[in-house]
N, C-alpha and C. Protein backbone atom coordinates (compact mmCIF):
# COMPACT_ATOMS: atom_id res chain seq x y z
N THR A 1 267.56 -163.01 14.49
CA THR A 1 268.68 -162.30 13.89
C THR A 1 269.94 -162.52 14.70
N TYR A 2 271.05 -162.85 14.02
CA TYR A 2 272.35 -162.99 14.65
C TYR A 2 273.18 -161.75 14.33
N VAL A 3 274.02 -161.33 15.29
CA VAL A 3 274.86 -160.15 15.11
C VAL A 3 276.29 -160.47 15.54
N LEU A 4 277.26 -160.05 14.72
CA LEU A 4 278.68 -160.17 15.03
C LEU A 4 279.32 -158.79 14.99
N VAL A 5 280.29 -158.57 15.89
CA VAL A 5 281.02 -157.30 15.90
C VAL A 5 282.51 -157.58 15.90
N GLY A 6 283.31 -156.55 15.56
CA GLY A 6 284.75 -156.75 15.51
C GLY A 6 285.51 -155.45 15.33
N SER A 7 286.73 -155.56 14.82
CA SER A 7 287.62 -154.40 14.68
C SER A 7 287.14 -153.46 13.58
N ALA A 8 287.64 -152.22 13.64
CA ALA A 8 287.37 -151.20 12.62
C ALA A 8 285.88 -151.00 12.38
N GLY A 9 285.08 -151.08 13.45
CA GLY A 9 283.66 -150.84 13.33
C GLY A 9 282.87 -151.95 12.67
N THR A 10 283.46 -153.14 12.56
CA THR A 10 282.76 -154.25 11.91
C THR A 10 281.49 -154.61 12.66
N LEU A 11 280.36 -154.64 11.95
CA LEU A 11 279.08 -155.02 12.52
C LEU A 11 278.29 -155.74 11.43
N LEU A 12 278.06 -157.03 11.64
CA LEU A 12 277.39 -157.86 10.66
C LEU A 12 276.13 -158.46 11.27
N SER A 13 275.11 -158.67 10.42
CA SER A 13 273.91 -159.34 10.88
C SER A 13 273.49 -160.42 9.89
N SER A 14 272.81 -161.44 10.42
CA SER A 14 272.31 -162.53 9.59
C SER A 14 270.89 -162.87 10.02
N SER A 15 270.01 -162.99 9.06
CA SER A 15 268.62 -163.34 9.34
C SER A 15 268.25 -164.74 8.84
N ASP A 16 269.27 -165.51 8.40
CA ASP A 16 269.01 -166.86 7.89
C ASP A 16 269.88 -167.89 8.60
N ASN A 17 269.94 -167.75 9.94
CA ASN A 17 270.68 -168.71 10.77
C ASN A 17 272.16 -168.78 10.44
N GLY A 18 272.74 -167.65 10.05
CA GLY A 18 274.17 -167.57 9.83
C GLY A 18 274.65 -167.98 8.46
N ALA A 19 273.73 -168.26 7.53
CA ALA A 19 274.13 -168.68 6.19
C ALA A 19 274.73 -167.51 5.41
N THR A 20 274.14 -166.34 5.52
CA THR A 20 274.66 -165.15 4.85
C THR A 20 274.71 -163.99 5.85
N TRP A 21 275.70 -163.11 5.64
CA TRP A 21 275.91 -161.99 6.57
C TRP A 21 275.96 -160.68 5.80
N VAL A 22 275.38 -159.63 6.37
CA VAL A 22 275.31 -158.31 5.74
C VAL A 22 275.97 -157.30 6.67
N SER A 23 276.83 -156.44 6.11
CA SER A 23 277.49 -155.39 6.88
C SER A 23 276.49 -154.30 7.25
N ARG A 24 276.53 -153.87 8.50
CA ARG A 24 275.62 -152.84 8.99
C ARG A 24 276.41 -151.69 9.61
N TYR A 25 275.80 -150.54 9.70
CA TYR A 25 276.31 -149.37 10.39
C TYR A 25 277.78 -149.08 10.06
N ALA A 26 277.98 -148.39 8.94
CA ALA A 26 279.33 -148.08 8.48
C ALA A 26 279.84 -146.73 8.97
N ASN A 27 279.17 -146.14 9.97
CA ASN A 27 279.52 -144.80 10.41
C ASN A 27 280.54 -144.76 11.54
N SER A 28 281.11 -145.89 11.90
CA SER A 28 282.09 -145.91 12.98
C SER A 28 283.26 -146.81 12.61
N ALA A 29 284.47 -146.33 12.88
CA ALA A 29 285.67 -147.14 12.64
C ALA A 29 286.25 -147.66 13.94
N VAL A 30 285.51 -147.48 15.03
CA VAL A 30 285.97 -147.90 16.35
C VAL A 30 285.78 -149.40 16.53
N THR A 31 286.75 -150.06 17.15
CA THR A 31 286.63 -151.49 17.42
C THR A 31 285.47 -151.75 18.38
N LEU A 32 284.61 -152.69 18.00
CA LEU A 32 283.49 -153.11 18.83
C LEU A 32 283.87 -154.43 19.49
N ASN A 33 283.77 -154.50 20.81
CA ASN A 33 284.28 -155.64 21.55
C ASN A 33 283.27 -156.74 21.81
N SER A 34 281.99 -156.40 21.90
CA SER A 34 280.99 -157.43 22.16
C SER A 34 279.60 -156.89 21.87
N VAL A 35 278.64 -157.81 21.78
CA VAL A 35 277.25 -157.44 21.56
C VAL A 35 276.37 -158.35 22.40
N ALA A 36 275.30 -157.78 22.95
CA ALA A 36 274.37 -158.55 23.77
C ALA A 36 272.95 -158.19 23.36
N PHE A 37 272.00 -159.09 23.68
CA PHE A 37 270.59 -158.83 23.38
C PHE A 37 269.75 -159.10 24.62
N ALA A 38 268.91 -158.14 24.98
CA ALA A 38 267.99 -158.30 26.10
C ALA A 38 266.94 -157.21 26.03
N ALA A 39 265.78 -157.46 26.61
CA ALA A 39 264.70 -156.47 26.68
C ALA A 39 264.38 -155.87 25.32
N GLY A 40 264.45 -156.72 24.28
CA GLY A 40 264.09 -156.29 22.94
C GLY A 40 265.10 -155.39 22.25
N ARG A 41 266.34 -155.39 22.74
CA ARG A 41 267.34 -154.48 22.16
C ARG A 41 268.72 -155.12 22.11
N PHE A 42 269.40 -154.95 20.97
CA PHE A 42 270.82 -155.28 20.86
C PHE A 42 271.63 -154.09 21.38
N VAL A 43 272.69 -154.39 22.13
CA VAL A 43 273.63 -153.36 22.58
C VAL A 43 275.03 -153.83 22.23
N ALA A 44 275.72 -153.07 21.38
CA ALA A 44 277.10 -153.36 21.00
C ALA A 44 278.00 -152.31 21.65
N VAL A 45 279.10 -152.75 22.26
CA VAL A 45 279.99 -151.83 22.96
C VAL A 45 281.41 -151.96 22.43
N GLY A 46 282.18 -150.86 22.58
CA GLY A 46 283.53 -150.88 22.05
C GLY A 46 284.43 -149.82 22.65
N ASN A 47 285.51 -149.53 21.95
CA ASN A 47 286.49 -148.57 22.43
C ASN A 47 285.93 -147.15 22.37
N SER A 48 286.61 -146.23 23.07
CA SER A 48 286.23 -144.81 23.07
C SER A 48 284.80 -144.60 23.52
N SER A 49 284.37 -145.40 24.50
CA SER A 49 283.02 -145.28 25.08
C SER A 49 281.91 -145.43 24.04
N THR A 50 282.15 -146.23 23.02
CA THR A 50 281.16 -146.41 21.96
C THR A 50 280.09 -147.42 22.37
N ILE A 51 278.83 -147.01 22.24
CA ILE A 51 277.70 -147.90 22.46
C ILE A 51 276.72 -147.72 21.30
N LEU A 52 276.43 -148.80 20.60
CA LEU A 52 275.47 -148.79 19.51
C LEU A 52 274.28 -149.65 19.90
N THR A 53 273.07 -149.25 19.51
CA THR A 53 271.88 -150.01 19.86
C THR A 53 271.00 -150.25 18.63
N SER A 54 270.23 -151.33 18.70
CA SER A 54 269.33 -151.68 17.62
C SER A 54 268.21 -152.56 18.16
N THR A 55 267.02 -152.40 17.62
CA THR A 55 265.91 -153.27 18.00
C THR A 55 265.73 -154.43 17.03
N ASN A 56 266.40 -154.38 15.87
CA ASN A 56 266.23 -155.44 14.88
C ASN A 56 267.53 -156.02 14.35
N GLY A 57 268.68 -155.50 14.78
CA GLY A 57 269.97 -155.98 14.30
C GLY A 57 270.36 -155.43 12.95
N VAL A 58 269.49 -154.63 12.35
CA VAL A 58 269.74 -154.07 11.02
C VAL A 58 270.01 -152.58 11.09
N ASP A 59 269.13 -151.86 11.79
CA ASP A 59 269.24 -150.40 11.90
C ASP A 59 269.85 -150.05 13.26
N TRP A 60 270.99 -149.35 13.23
CA TRP A 60 271.75 -149.07 14.44
C TRP A 60 271.89 -147.58 14.66
N THR A 61 271.86 -147.16 15.93
CA THR A 61 272.11 -145.78 16.30
C THR A 61 273.12 -145.74 17.44
N GLN A 62 273.83 -144.62 17.54
CA GLN A 62 274.80 -144.47 18.62
C GLN A 62 274.10 -143.90 19.85
N ALA A 63 274.30 -144.57 20.98
CA ALA A 63 273.67 -144.16 22.22
C ALA A 63 274.35 -142.93 22.80
N VAL A 64 273.62 -142.26 23.67
CA VAL A 64 274.16 -141.08 24.35
C VAL A 64 274.99 -141.52 25.55
N VAL A 65 276.27 -141.16 25.55
CA VAL A 65 277.17 -141.52 26.65
C VAL A 65 277.79 -140.25 27.20
N LEU A 66 277.87 -140.14 28.53
CA LEU A 66 278.51 -138.98 29.12
C LEU A 66 279.97 -138.88 28.67
N ASN A 67 280.55 -137.72 28.79
CA ASN A 67 281.89 -137.46 28.27
C ASN A 67 282.96 -138.13 29.13
N VAL A 68 282.97 -139.44 29.05
CA VAL A 68 283.96 -140.25 29.75
C VAL A 68 284.55 -141.21 28.72
N SER A 69 285.86 -141.18 28.53
CA SER A 69 286.48 -142.04 27.52
C SER A 69 286.96 -143.33 28.18
N SER A 70 286.31 -144.43 27.82
CA SER A 70 286.66 -145.73 28.38
C SER A 70 286.60 -146.79 27.30
N THR A 71 287.33 -147.86 27.53
CA THR A 71 287.19 -149.04 26.69
C THR A 71 286.06 -149.89 27.26
N LEU A 72 284.97 -150.00 26.53
CA LEU A 72 283.82 -150.77 26.99
C LEU A 72 283.97 -152.20 26.50
N VAL A 73 283.90 -153.14 27.43
CA VAL A 73 284.28 -154.52 27.11
C VAL A 73 283.07 -155.39 26.81
N THR A 74 282.07 -155.39 27.68
CA THR A 74 280.93 -156.27 27.49
C THR A 74 279.74 -155.78 28.30
N ALA A 75 278.54 -156.23 27.92
CA ALA A 75 277.32 -155.73 28.54
C ALA A 75 276.44 -156.89 29.00
N ALA A 76 275.59 -156.60 29.99
CA ALA A 76 274.60 -157.57 30.46
C ALA A 76 273.39 -156.82 30.99
N HIS A 77 272.26 -157.51 31.06
CA HIS A 77 270.99 -156.91 31.49
C HIS A 77 270.40 -157.76 32.60
N ASP A 78 269.91 -157.10 33.65
CA ASP A 78 269.40 -157.85 34.81
C ASP A 78 267.87 -157.91 34.88
N GLY A 79 267.22 -157.46 33.80
CA GLY A 79 265.76 -157.45 33.79
C GLY A 79 265.19 -156.05 33.97
N THR A 80 265.99 -155.14 34.55
CA THR A 80 265.55 -153.76 34.72
C THR A 80 266.55 -152.75 34.18
N LYS A 81 267.82 -153.10 34.10
CA LYS A 81 268.82 -152.15 33.63
C LYS A 81 269.97 -152.87 32.95
N TRP A 82 270.69 -152.11 32.13
CA TRP A 82 271.91 -152.57 31.49
C TRP A 82 273.12 -152.16 32.31
N ILE A 83 274.13 -153.03 32.31
CA ILE A 83 275.44 -152.73 32.88
C ILE A 83 276.50 -153.02 31.82
N VAL A 84 277.41 -152.07 31.62
CA VAL A 84 278.56 -152.28 30.74
C VAL A 84 279.82 -152.16 31.58
N VAL A 85 280.67 -153.18 31.53
CA VAL A 85 281.93 -153.12 32.27
C VAL A 85 283.04 -152.65 31.35
N THR A 86 284.08 -152.10 31.98
CA THR A 86 285.16 -151.45 31.24
C THR A 86 286.50 -152.06 31.61
N GLY A 87 287.55 -151.45 31.07
CA GLY A 87 288.90 -151.88 31.41
C GLY A 87 289.41 -151.27 32.69
N SER A 88 288.51 -150.64 33.47
CA SER A 88 288.91 -150.04 34.74
C SER A 88 287.85 -150.37 35.79
N THR A 89 287.78 -149.58 36.85
CA THR A 89 286.87 -149.88 37.94
C THR A 89 285.49 -149.25 37.78
N ASN A 90 285.28 -148.45 36.72
CA ASN A 90 283.97 -147.85 36.54
C ASN A 90 283.11 -148.68 35.60
N VAL A 91 281.81 -148.50 35.69
CA VAL A 91 280.85 -149.17 34.82
C VAL A 91 279.93 -148.12 34.23
N PHE A 92 279.21 -148.53 33.18
CA PHE A 92 278.18 -147.68 32.62
C PHE A 92 276.83 -148.35 32.87
N THR A 93 275.82 -147.57 33.22
CA THR A 93 274.50 -148.12 33.48
C THR A 93 273.45 -147.40 32.63
N SER A 94 272.37 -148.12 32.33
CA SER A 94 271.29 -147.53 31.55
C SER A 94 269.99 -148.28 31.82
N PRO A 95 268.87 -147.56 31.96
CA PRO A 95 267.60 -148.24 32.14
C PRO A 95 267.00 -148.75 30.83
N ASP A 96 267.46 -148.20 29.70
CA ASP A 96 266.82 -148.52 28.43
C ASP A 96 267.80 -148.83 27.29
N GLY A 97 269.11 -148.73 27.54
CA GLY A 97 270.09 -148.97 26.50
C GLY A 97 270.35 -147.76 25.62
N LEU A 98 269.66 -146.66 25.88
CA LEU A 98 269.79 -145.47 25.05
C LEU A 98 270.59 -144.37 25.71
N ALA A 99 270.26 -144.04 26.95
CA ALA A 99 270.98 -143.01 27.70
C ALA A 99 271.79 -143.68 28.80
N TRP A 100 273.09 -143.36 28.86
CA TRP A 100 274.02 -144.05 29.75
C TRP A 100 274.72 -143.07 30.67
N THR A 101 275.03 -143.53 31.88
CA THR A 101 275.82 -142.76 32.82
C THR A 101 276.95 -143.63 33.36
N SER A 102 278.04 -142.97 33.72
CA SER A 102 279.19 -143.66 34.28
C SER A 102 279.08 -143.67 35.80
N ALA A 103 279.45 -144.80 36.40
CA ALA A 103 279.42 -144.91 37.86
C ALA A 103 280.69 -145.60 38.34
N THR A 104 281.18 -145.18 39.47
CA THR A 104 282.36 -145.81 40.08
C THR A 104 281.92 -146.96 40.97
N THR A 105 282.59 -148.08 40.84
CA THR A 105 282.21 -149.27 41.60
C THR A 105 282.98 -149.37 42.91
N THR A 106 282.45 -150.17 43.80
CA THR A 106 283.14 -150.55 45.03
C THR A 106 283.56 -152.01 44.90
N GLY A 107 284.86 -152.27 44.99
CA GLY A 107 285.35 -153.63 44.86
C GLY A 107 285.41 -154.13 43.44
N GLY A 108 285.17 -153.27 42.48
CA GLY A 108 285.19 -153.67 41.07
C GLY A 108 286.60 -153.66 40.51
N GLY A 109 286.72 -154.08 39.27
CA GLY A 109 288.01 -154.12 38.58
C GLY A 109 287.78 -154.37 37.11
N SER A 110 288.85 -154.36 36.33
CA SER A 110 288.70 -154.59 34.90
C SER A 110 288.16 -155.99 34.65
N ALA A 111 287.35 -156.12 33.64
CA ALA A 111 286.71 -157.40 33.32
C ALA A 111 286.78 -157.66 31.83
N ILE A 112 286.68 -158.92 31.47
CA ILE A 112 286.66 -159.32 30.06
C ILE A 112 285.33 -159.96 29.70
N GLY A 113 284.77 -160.75 30.62
CA GLY A 113 283.48 -161.39 30.40
C GLY A 113 282.49 -161.00 31.47
N LEU A 114 281.20 -160.98 31.11
CA LEU A 114 280.15 -160.58 32.04
C LEU A 114 278.87 -161.32 31.71
N VAL A 115 278.16 -161.76 32.76
CA VAL A 115 276.86 -162.40 32.57
C VAL A 115 275.98 -162.06 33.76
N TYR A 116 274.67 -162.14 33.56
CA TYR A 116 273.73 -162.00 34.67
C TYR A 116 272.93 -163.28 34.80
N GLY A 117 272.85 -163.80 36.02
CA GLY A 117 272.07 -165.00 36.27
C GLY A 117 271.93 -165.25 37.75
N ALA A 118 270.87 -165.92 38.14
CA ALA A 118 270.63 -166.26 39.55
C ALA A 118 270.67 -165.02 40.45
N GLY A 119 270.16 -163.89 39.92
CA GLY A 119 270.06 -162.69 40.72
C GLY A 119 271.34 -161.91 40.91
N LYS A 120 272.34 -162.15 40.07
CA LYS A 120 273.61 -161.44 40.25
C LYS A 120 274.36 -161.29 38.93
N PHE A 121 275.16 -160.22 38.84
CA PHE A 121 276.12 -160.08 37.76
C PHE A 121 277.38 -160.82 38.16
N VAL A 122 278.02 -161.47 37.18
CA VAL A 122 279.28 -162.15 37.42
C VAL A 122 280.26 -161.70 36.34
N ALA A 123 281.39 -161.14 36.77
CA ALA A 123 282.41 -160.65 35.85
C ALA A 123 283.68 -161.47 36.01
N VAL A 124 284.35 -161.77 34.89
CA VAL A 124 285.60 -162.52 34.92
C VAL A 124 286.67 -161.74 34.19
N GLY A 125 287.96 -162.03 34.54
CA GLY A 125 289.04 -161.29 33.90
C GLY A 125 290.40 -161.92 34.10
N ALA A 126 291.41 -161.08 34.12
CA ALA A 126 292.80 -161.53 34.17
C ALA A 126 293.11 -162.25 35.47
N SER A 127 294.07 -163.18 35.38
CA SER A 127 294.60 -163.90 36.56
C SER A 127 293.52 -164.62 37.35
N GLY A 128 292.51 -165.10 36.67
CA GLY A 128 291.46 -165.87 37.33
C GLY A 128 290.47 -165.05 38.13
N ALA A 129 290.44 -163.75 37.91
CA ALA A 129 289.56 -162.88 38.70
C ALA A 129 288.09 -163.17 38.41
N ILE A 130 287.31 -163.33 39.47
CA ILE A 130 285.86 -163.45 39.38
C ILE A 130 285.26 -162.55 40.46
N ARG A 131 284.32 -161.71 40.05
CA ARG A 131 283.63 -160.83 40.99
C ARG A 131 282.13 -160.95 40.77
N THR A 132 281.37 -160.82 41.84
CA THR A 132 279.91 -160.88 41.74
C THR A 132 279.30 -159.61 42.33
N SER A 133 278.11 -159.27 41.83
CA SER A 133 277.40 -158.09 42.30
C SER A 133 275.91 -158.25 42.07
N THR A 134 275.11 -157.82 43.00
CA THR A 134 273.65 -157.87 42.81
C THR A 134 273.12 -156.60 42.14
N ASP A 135 273.91 -155.52 42.16
CA ASP A 135 273.44 -154.27 41.57
C ASP A 135 274.36 -153.70 40.49
N GLY A 136 275.50 -154.34 40.25
CA GLY A 136 276.45 -153.87 39.25
C GLY A 136 277.38 -152.79 39.75
N LEU A 137 277.22 -152.36 40.99
CA LEU A 137 278.03 -151.28 41.54
C LEU A 137 278.93 -151.75 42.68
N THR A 138 278.42 -152.58 43.56
CA THR A 138 279.20 -153.11 44.67
C THR A 138 279.56 -154.56 44.36
N TRP A 139 280.86 -154.84 44.28
CA TRP A 139 281.34 -156.14 43.82
C TRP A 139 282.10 -156.87 44.92
N THR A 140 282.00 -158.20 44.90
CA THR A 140 282.70 -159.06 45.84
C THR A 140 283.60 -160.02 45.08
N ALA A 141 284.88 -160.06 45.44
CA ALA A 141 285.83 -160.97 44.80
C ALA A 141 285.57 -162.40 45.26
N ARG A 142 285.61 -163.33 44.32
CA ARG A 142 285.43 -164.75 44.60
C ARG A 142 286.69 -165.52 44.26
N THR A 143 286.87 -166.65 44.90
CA THR A 143 288.04 -167.49 44.64
C THR A 143 287.72 -168.45 43.49
N SER A 144 288.43 -168.30 42.37
CA SER A 144 288.16 -169.12 41.19
C SER A 144 288.95 -170.41 41.18
N ASN A 145 289.98 -170.50 42.05
CA ASN A 145 290.87 -171.66 42.09
C ASN A 145 291.73 -171.81 40.84
N THR A 146 291.91 -170.72 40.12
CA THR A 146 292.85 -170.70 39.00
C THR A 146 293.47 -169.31 38.92
N SER A 147 294.73 -169.27 38.45
CA SER A 147 295.38 -167.99 38.21
C SER A 147 295.43 -167.66 36.72
N ASN A 148 294.84 -168.52 35.91
CA ASN A 148 294.81 -168.28 34.47
C ASN A 148 293.74 -167.25 34.13
N GLY A 149 294.01 -166.47 33.10
CA GLY A 149 293.05 -165.47 32.68
C GLY A 149 291.75 -166.08 32.20
N LEU A 150 290.64 -165.44 32.54
CA LEU A 150 289.32 -165.90 32.12
C LEU A 150 288.76 -164.91 31.10
N THR A 151 288.19 -165.43 30.03
CA THR A 151 287.81 -164.59 28.90
C THR A 151 286.32 -164.54 28.62
N ASP A 152 285.55 -165.52 29.08
CA ASP A 152 284.12 -165.54 28.77
C ASP A 152 283.39 -166.31 29.86
N ILE A 153 282.09 -166.01 30.02
CA ILE A 153 281.29 -166.68 31.03
C ILE A 153 279.83 -166.72 30.58
N ILE A 154 279.15 -167.82 30.90
CA ILE A 154 277.72 -167.95 30.61
C ILE A 154 277.01 -168.47 31.86
N TYR A 155 275.67 -168.37 31.84
CA TYR A 155 274.83 -169.00 32.85
C TYR A 155 273.77 -169.79 32.11
N ASP A 156 273.65 -171.08 32.43
CA ASP A 156 272.73 -171.94 31.69
C ASP A 156 271.39 -172.15 32.39
N GLY A 157 271.17 -171.42 33.48
CA GLY A 157 269.97 -171.59 34.27
C GLY A 157 270.20 -172.37 35.54
N ALA A 158 271.33 -173.09 35.58
CA ALA A 158 271.68 -173.87 36.78
C ALA A 158 273.14 -173.72 37.16
N ASN A 159 274.01 -173.46 36.18
CA ASN A 159 275.44 -173.37 36.44
C ASN A 159 276.07 -172.21 35.68
N PHE A 160 277.06 -171.58 36.31
CA PHE A 160 277.92 -170.63 35.63
C PHE A 160 279.12 -171.39 35.08
N VAL A 161 279.52 -171.06 33.86
CA VAL A 161 280.67 -171.70 33.23
C VAL A 161 281.57 -170.61 32.67
N ALA A 162 282.83 -170.59 33.11
CA ALA A 162 283.81 -169.61 32.62
C ALA A 162 284.98 -170.33 31.99
N VAL A 163 285.52 -169.74 30.93
CA VAL A 163 286.65 -170.35 30.22
C VAL A 163 287.76 -169.32 30.06
N GLY A 164 288.98 -169.83 29.75
CA GLY A 164 290.10 -168.90 29.60
C GLY A 164 291.35 -169.54 29.05
N SER A 165 292.49 -168.98 29.43
CA SER A 165 293.77 -169.40 28.88
C SER A 165 294.17 -170.78 29.39
N THR A 166 295.09 -171.41 28.63
CA THR A 166 295.65 -172.72 28.98
C THR A 166 294.56 -173.77 29.20
N GLY A 167 293.52 -173.70 28.40
CA GLY A 167 292.45 -174.70 28.47
C GLY A 167 291.60 -174.64 29.72
N THR A 168 291.59 -173.48 30.38
CA THR A 168 290.89 -173.37 31.66
C THR A 168 289.37 -173.38 31.51
N ILE A 169 288.72 -174.21 32.33
CA ILE A 169 287.27 -174.23 32.46
C ILE A 169 286.95 -174.31 33.95
N VAL A 170 286.17 -173.37 34.46
CA VAL A 170 285.72 -173.41 35.84
C VAL A 170 284.21 -173.28 35.87
N THR A 171 283.57 -173.99 36.82
CA THR A 171 282.12 -173.99 36.89
C THR A 171 281.66 -173.76 38.32
N SER A 172 280.43 -173.27 38.44
CA SER A 172 279.87 -173.01 39.77
C SER A 172 278.35 -172.95 39.69
N PRO A 173 277.65 -173.49 40.69
CA PRO A 173 276.19 -173.37 40.71
C PRO A 173 275.72 -172.03 41.24
N ASP A 174 276.59 -171.30 41.96
CA ASP A 174 276.17 -170.06 42.60
C ASP A 174 277.11 -168.88 42.38
N ALA A 175 278.17 -169.07 41.60
CA ALA A 175 279.19 -168.04 41.32
C ALA A 175 280.04 -167.70 42.54
N GLU A 176 279.91 -168.47 43.59
CA GLU A 176 280.71 -168.23 44.79
C GLU A 176 281.74 -169.32 45.02
N THR A 177 281.36 -170.57 44.83
CA THR A 177 282.26 -171.71 44.96
C THR A 177 282.51 -172.29 43.57
N TRP A 178 283.80 -172.31 43.18
CA TRP A 178 284.14 -172.68 41.81
C TRP A 178 284.94 -173.98 41.76
N THR A 179 284.68 -174.77 40.73
CA THR A 179 285.37 -176.03 40.50
C THR A 179 286.14 -175.96 39.20
N VAL A 180 287.42 -176.32 39.24
CA VAL A 180 288.24 -176.37 38.03
C VAL A 180 288.00 -177.70 37.32
N ARG A 181 287.67 -177.63 36.05
CA ARG A 181 287.42 -178.84 35.25
C ARG A 181 288.64 -179.17 34.40
N THR A 182 288.81 -180.44 34.09
CA THR A 182 289.89 -180.90 33.22
C THR A 182 289.40 -180.88 31.79
N SER A 183 289.97 -179.97 30.99
CA SER A 183 289.50 -179.83 29.60
C SER A 183 290.28 -180.72 28.64
N GLY A 184 291.52 -181.10 29.03
CA GLY A 184 292.36 -181.88 28.12
C GLY A 184 293.01 -181.03 27.05
N SER A 185 292.92 -179.69 27.20
CA SER A 185 293.49 -178.78 26.20
C SER A 185 294.37 -177.76 26.90
N THR A 186 295.39 -177.27 26.19
CA THR A 186 296.22 -176.19 26.70
C THR A 186 296.03 -174.92 25.88
N SER A 187 295.09 -174.94 24.98
CA SER A 187 294.81 -173.76 24.14
C SER A 187 293.98 -172.75 24.92
N THR A 188 294.05 -171.49 24.51
CA THR A 188 293.19 -170.48 25.09
C THR A 188 291.76 -170.69 24.61
N LEU A 189 290.84 -170.82 25.54
CA LEU A 189 289.43 -170.99 25.22
C LEU A 189 288.77 -169.63 25.39
N SER A 190 288.39 -169.00 24.29
CA SER A 190 287.94 -167.61 24.36
C SER A 190 286.43 -167.46 24.39
N ALA A 191 285.69 -168.54 24.15
CA ALA A 191 284.23 -168.42 24.12
C ALA A 191 283.58 -169.70 24.62
N VAL A 192 282.39 -169.54 25.20
CA VAL A 192 281.62 -170.68 25.68
C VAL A 192 280.15 -170.44 25.36
N ALA A 193 279.44 -171.51 25.01
CA ALA A 193 278.02 -171.42 24.69
C ALA A 193 277.32 -172.67 25.19
N PHE A 194 276.00 -172.57 25.36
CA PHE A 194 275.19 -173.71 25.80
C PHE A 194 273.89 -173.74 25.02
N GLY A 195 273.52 -174.95 24.57
CA GLY A 195 272.26 -175.12 23.87
C GLY A 195 271.98 -176.57 23.62
N ALA A 196 270.70 -176.94 23.59
CA ALA A 196 270.29 -178.31 23.32
C ALA A 196 271.00 -179.31 24.23
N GLY A 197 271.21 -178.90 25.49
CA GLY A 197 271.82 -179.80 26.46
C GLY A 197 273.30 -180.01 26.32
N ARG A 198 273.95 -179.16 25.54
CA ARG A 198 275.39 -179.35 25.29
C ARG A 198 276.15 -178.03 25.46
N TYR A 199 277.32 -178.12 26.12
CA TYR A 199 278.23 -176.99 26.25
C TYR A 199 279.27 -177.08 25.14
N VAL A 200 279.62 -175.93 24.58
CA VAL A 200 280.66 -175.87 23.54
C VAL A 200 281.60 -174.74 23.89
N VAL A 201 282.89 -175.02 23.93
CA VAL A 201 283.90 -173.99 24.19
C VAL A 201 284.97 -174.08 23.11
N GLY A 202 285.67 -172.96 22.89
CA GLY A 202 286.75 -173.04 21.92
C GLY A 202 287.26 -171.72 21.44
N VAL A 203 288.23 -171.82 20.55
CA VAL A 203 288.81 -170.69 19.83
C VAL A 203 289.55 -171.24 18.63
N GLY A 204 289.44 -170.56 17.50
CA GLY A 204 290.15 -171.01 16.31
C GLY A 204 289.80 -172.44 15.96
N GLY A 205 290.83 -173.31 15.86
CA GLY A 205 290.58 -174.70 15.49
C GLY A 205 290.31 -175.61 16.66
N THR A 206 290.31 -175.08 17.89
CA THR A 206 290.07 -175.91 19.07
C THR A 206 288.62 -175.79 19.52
N MET A 207 287.92 -176.93 19.62
CA MET A 207 286.55 -176.92 20.09
C MET A 207 286.32 -178.14 20.97
N LEU A 208 285.76 -177.90 22.15
CA LEU A 208 285.47 -178.95 23.10
C LEU A 208 283.98 -178.94 23.42
N THR A 209 283.42 -180.12 23.69
CA THR A 209 282.01 -180.21 24.06
C THR A 209 281.84 -181.06 25.30
N SER A 210 280.73 -180.81 26.01
CA SER A 210 280.40 -181.58 27.20
C SER A 210 278.89 -181.52 27.43
N THR A 211 278.35 -182.57 28.02
CA THR A 211 276.95 -182.57 28.41
C THR A 211 276.77 -182.49 29.92
N ASP A 212 277.87 -182.65 30.67
CA ASP A 212 277.75 -182.70 32.13
C ASP A 212 278.75 -181.80 32.86
N LEU A 213 279.57 -181.06 32.13
CA LEU A 213 280.60 -180.16 32.65
C LEU A 213 281.80 -180.88 33.25
N ALA A 214 281.69 -182.17 33.49
CA ALA A 214 282.79 -182.92 34.09
C ALA A 214 283.69 -183.55 33.04
N THR A 215 283.12 -184.03 31.96
CA THR A 215 283.87 -184.72 30.91
C THR A 215 283.78 -183.91 29.62
N TRP A 216 284.96 -183.58 29.07
CA TRP A 216 285.02 -182.78 27.86
C TRP A 216 285.70 -183.57 26.74
N SER A 217 285.16 -183.44 25.54
CA SER A 217 285.70 -184.15 24.38
C SER A 217 286.03 -183.17 23.28
N ALA A 218 287.15 -183.40 22.61
CA ALA A 218 287.55 -182.54 21.50
C ALA A 218 286.73 -182.89 20.26
N VAL A 219 286.33 -181.86 19.52
CA VAL A 219 285.62 -182.06 18.27
C VAL A 219 286.65 -182.15 17.16
N PRO A 220 286.66 -183.23 16.36
CA PRO A 220 287.66 -183.36 15.29
C PRO A 220 287.54 -182.22 14.29
N ASN A 221 288.69 -181.76 13.80
CA ASN A 221 288.67 -180.69 12.78
C ASN A 221 288.10 -181.22 11.47
């Protein structure tokens, strides 16, 4: 099952590889910023501390969140717990995706993208900010070698790949030492994915692909 989220409570699911989409959970008008899947559960997060969960992508319920109003940006799971990062220095944590508590971080900051891999959470954000944490609470700032905003990050099992504004692509094997790649684009790259040995990044009509992270080619419209 594939799930998409968006503004005004938009939540869509597809069970036929994206050929058709069905609107789900019409009980919220809050903007949903991202959705993740791990440990047998989808977790969608959004504005006003909204967290929705589902085990099948079809039936959704609102999770219990303490009375803290935050913009929830994105979520990740480390194998034992969920972490949701916000537009501030606090995070939300949960052992099961159902009951959540707010925690103040050390060294944390606002983030736009989040991933877990190689034993650590990695968060990216404005002005090239990259932070890493082994527990989601204590964070260490890393040098990304770019001042451009970063919007998304993935881990492919061997490398972290982050993308952002002005065609920015940075990669790292350990999330500590980062290399700036030449994308050949000046467009904002808002998303990155990996599958079948190929990386794909893009936004709107701009799409770039690579098999080695060093050489990127534009996909014709």
